[in-house]
Amino acid sequence: MNNKNENSIEKVSDLGLASLLVTLKVEMVGLEKIDSAPRINFIFKKDAWVEQIIKDYWNDKQLSVPVQTLFNNRKALINRMRAV
């Protein structure tokens, strides 16, 4: 991807964070397999709101989301990972 595209995306390898972003309706634009490790990057569109969500997640801030939706999204992401 070119530099402009790199600045407008956020790559996330943490399944919990990716599940949260999907639950909050952040647009996921793709998946990327990391060759050097058995990991997957979930690729999301990035803006200031997304950056704040990520910061809050890593700072263990309390966030309110529908729990069933969060876990359903987690299962869906695991299925997508297995397909890559």
Protein backbone atom coordinates (compact mmCIF):
# COMPACT_ATOMS: atom_id res chain seq x y z
CA MET A 1 0.00 0.00 0.00
CA ASN A 2 1.20 3.48 -0.63
CA ASN A 3 1.95 5.93 2.18
CA LYS A 4 -1.39 7.75 1.92
CA ASN A 5 -3.27 4.45 2.31
CA GLU A 6 -1.03 3.40 5.21
CA ASN A 7 -2.02 6.57 7.09
CA SER A 8 -5.73 5.94 6.60
CA ILE A 9 -5.73 2.36 7.90
CA GLU A 10 -5.11 0.73 11.25
CA LYS A 11 -3.68 -2.78 11.45
CA VAL A 12 -4.80 -4.71 14.51
CA SER A 13 -3.60 -8.19 15.47
CA ASP A 14 -5.41 -8.35 18.83
CA LEU A 15 -8.63 -10.37 18.45
CA GLY A 16 -10.36 -8.63 21.36
CA LEU A 17 -9.66 -5.18 19.95
CA ALA A 18 -10.71 -6.23 16.45
CA SER A 19 -13.95 -7.65 17.88
CA LEU A 20 -14.60 -4.37 19.67
CA LEU A 21 -13.98 -2.31 16.53
CA VAL A 22 -16.35 -4.48 14.50
CA THR A 23 -18.98 -4.23 17.24
CA LEU A 24 -18.66 -0.44 17.16
CA LYS A 25 -19.22 -0.59 13.38
CA VAL A 26 -15.72 0.49 12.37
CA GLU A 27 -15.24 -0.51 8.74
CA MET A 28 -12.90 -3.47 8.35
CA VAL A 29 -11.28 -3.32 4.92
CA GLY A 30 -9.41 -6.60 4.96
CA LEU A 31 -7.24 -9.24 6.55
CA GLU A 32 -3.50 -9.66 6.14
CA LYS A 33 -1.57 -12.81 6.97
CA ILE A 34 1.80 -12.11 8.56
CA ASP A 35 4.36 -14.41 6.96
CA SER A 36 6.94 -14.20 9.72
CA ALA A 37 4.51 -15.33 12.42
CA PRO A 38 1.29 -17.31 12.71
CA ARG A 39 -0.71 -14.09 13.05
CA ILE A 40 -3.34 -12.14 11.19
CA ASN A 41 -3.74 -8.38 10.95
CA PHE A 42 -7.28 -7.08 10.80
CA ILE A 43 -7.23 -3.91 8.72
CA PHE A 44 -9.63 -1.10 9.61
CA LYS A 45 -10.27 2.38 8.28
CA LYS A 46 -8.65 4.84 10.65
CA ASP A 47 -9.81 8.21 11.92
CA ALA A 48 -9.53 10.13 15.20
CA TRP A 49 -12.49 8.24 16.72
CA VAL A 50 -10.91 4.87 15.91
CA GLU A 51 -7.60 6.01 17.38
CA GLN A 52 -9.42 7.02 20.59
CA ILE A 53 -11.19 3.65 20.82
CA ILE A 54 -7.84 1.87 20.47
CA LYS A 55 -6.24 4.10 23.10
CA ASP A 56 -9.16 3.50 25.48
CA TYR A 57 -8.95 -0.27 24.89
CA TRP A 58 -5.25 -0.43 25.74
CA ASN A 59 -5.75 1.87 28.76
CA ASP A 60 -8.45 -0.52 30.04
CA LYS A 61 -11.16 2.15 29.98
CA GLN A 62 -14.73 1.06 30.55
CA LEU A 63 -16.60 0.77 27.25
CA SER A 64 -20.23 -0.13 26.78
CA VAL A 65 -21.14 -2.51 23.97
CA PRO A 66 -23.76 -5.24 23.54
CA VAL A 67 -22.03 -8.32 24.96
CA GLN A 68 -23.76 -10.87 22.73
CA THR A 69 -22.87 -8.85 19.63
CA LEU A 70 -19.26 -8.56 20.79
CA PHE A 71 -18.91 -12.34 21.19
CA ASN A 72 -20.75 -13.08 17.95
CA ASN A 73 -18.34 -10.74 16.15
CA ARG A 74 -15.40 -12.48 17.83
CA LYS A 75 -16.63 -15.85 16.52
CA ALA A 76 -17.11 -14.40 13.04
CA LEU A 77 -13.55 -12.99 13.06
CA ILE A 78 -12.14 -16.36 14.13
CA ASN A 79 -13.95 -17.99 11.20
CA ARG A 80 -12.53 -15.38 8.82
CA MET A 81 -9.03 -15.96 10.23
CA ARG A 82 -9.30 -19.68 9.57
CA ALA A 83 -10.27 -19.00 5.96
CA VAL A 84 -7.07 -17.01 5.29
